[in-house]
Amino acid sequence: MAELWAVVLAAGEGKRMQSRIPKVLHSLCGRRMLEYILASTVELTNQILVVVGHGALQVQETLGHKWSYVIQKQQLGTGHAVMEALHKLPEKGSLLVLCGDTPLLETSYLKELLTCYHENRAAVAIAQVPDPTGYGRVVRDSNGKVLKIVEDKDASPKEREINDINTGSYCFDLELLRYYLPKLKTDNMQQEYYLPDVITMMQQDGYPVGAFYLDDYRIGLGINNRVQLAEAIDILQHKIKLKLMQSGVTIEKPDTVYIDIDVQVGMDTVLRPHCVLEKGTNIGKQCIIGPGSYLSQAIIEDNSVISYSVVNNCRLDSGSMVGPFAHLIDN
């Protein structure tokens, strides 16, 4: 099987976030946005390049030295971003190209994208959305193969009626990608090098391009503003709570409880309404947490009860009773 590499695009400014923080460093459920797609990708390959641009130093300092970085000094489009990474990639192999602002795209979806790629010479993850305005449209033939991807601003009126949109996640044959990338032009409304134009050129030359459909269109969409950030957090919260409840945890009013992604809770523990459990918290078995309690970096051993209290960076022994209205913090 061809060697697998990945390029994660994280160079954009994210103006619509209205923030001094680079978009990909915004947090969802205790983890940076960019860290989600990296965690999903590293399950498939540890050969990952992160393309950074806006706030590059801040991104590198936050994520640390475990990742390999490529600097895109000028943001001239997705095609240009991949061009900047080519010198660190092998001549042959398979390449995932992913977006740093898609935290919901889990490993299982990437595996399905790879399966689609192995049946073709390239593949793109697409989704059918209620309102495709602003997204690149995916034009397909009668057999479902991708003919072209056209950006919203460059689409004809008929193409704008298409509800199949490009999510920005791809897999390419590296040898073919190296051939087509230099052929990209900027004769479009944005005057940028569009990576999807590679798909069009490949198809025109007879190389089949597969379309992997995401069953939930929200999974593959990038986060561009605070509204979409909140929507993604809601989806993650549902998954986190569902997993805990299926493992034997009672959550009395799930909609009122917030839980970070790495929080651990033991069997037969009850989470009562209006609790916040933040990163680093580990709760044992048969505990009662809440109502109205906030825990961060807290280690709570079995059979403990906490009500209307704050526990921050503390360890509580088995059978502890805290509250109401206690504030425990280890300075």
Foldseek 3Di string as FASTA:
>chain_A
DFDEAEEEEQADQLVQAVDPDRQQQDDFQFHGLLVLVVVQCVVPPQRYEYEYEVCRVVVDVVVDDSHHYFYDPDCQEPLVSVVSCVVVDDLWGKYKYHYSQQNLCHNVNVVLQVVQCVVFQKEFEKEFDPQCPQFWAFDADPVQWTQFTGGNQQDDPVRNVGRIGTLRIMMHTNNLSVVCSVVFAQPDPSSGRYPRVSVNVCVVVPTTYHYHYDPDRLNRHGDRYPVNSVVVSVVVLVVQVVVVVVQAEAEPDSVQERHGNVEAEEHLEYEYGNEYHGPLHYAYHNEYEEDQEYEENEYEYACEYEYCEYAYNYYDDHNHYYDDVYYHYDD
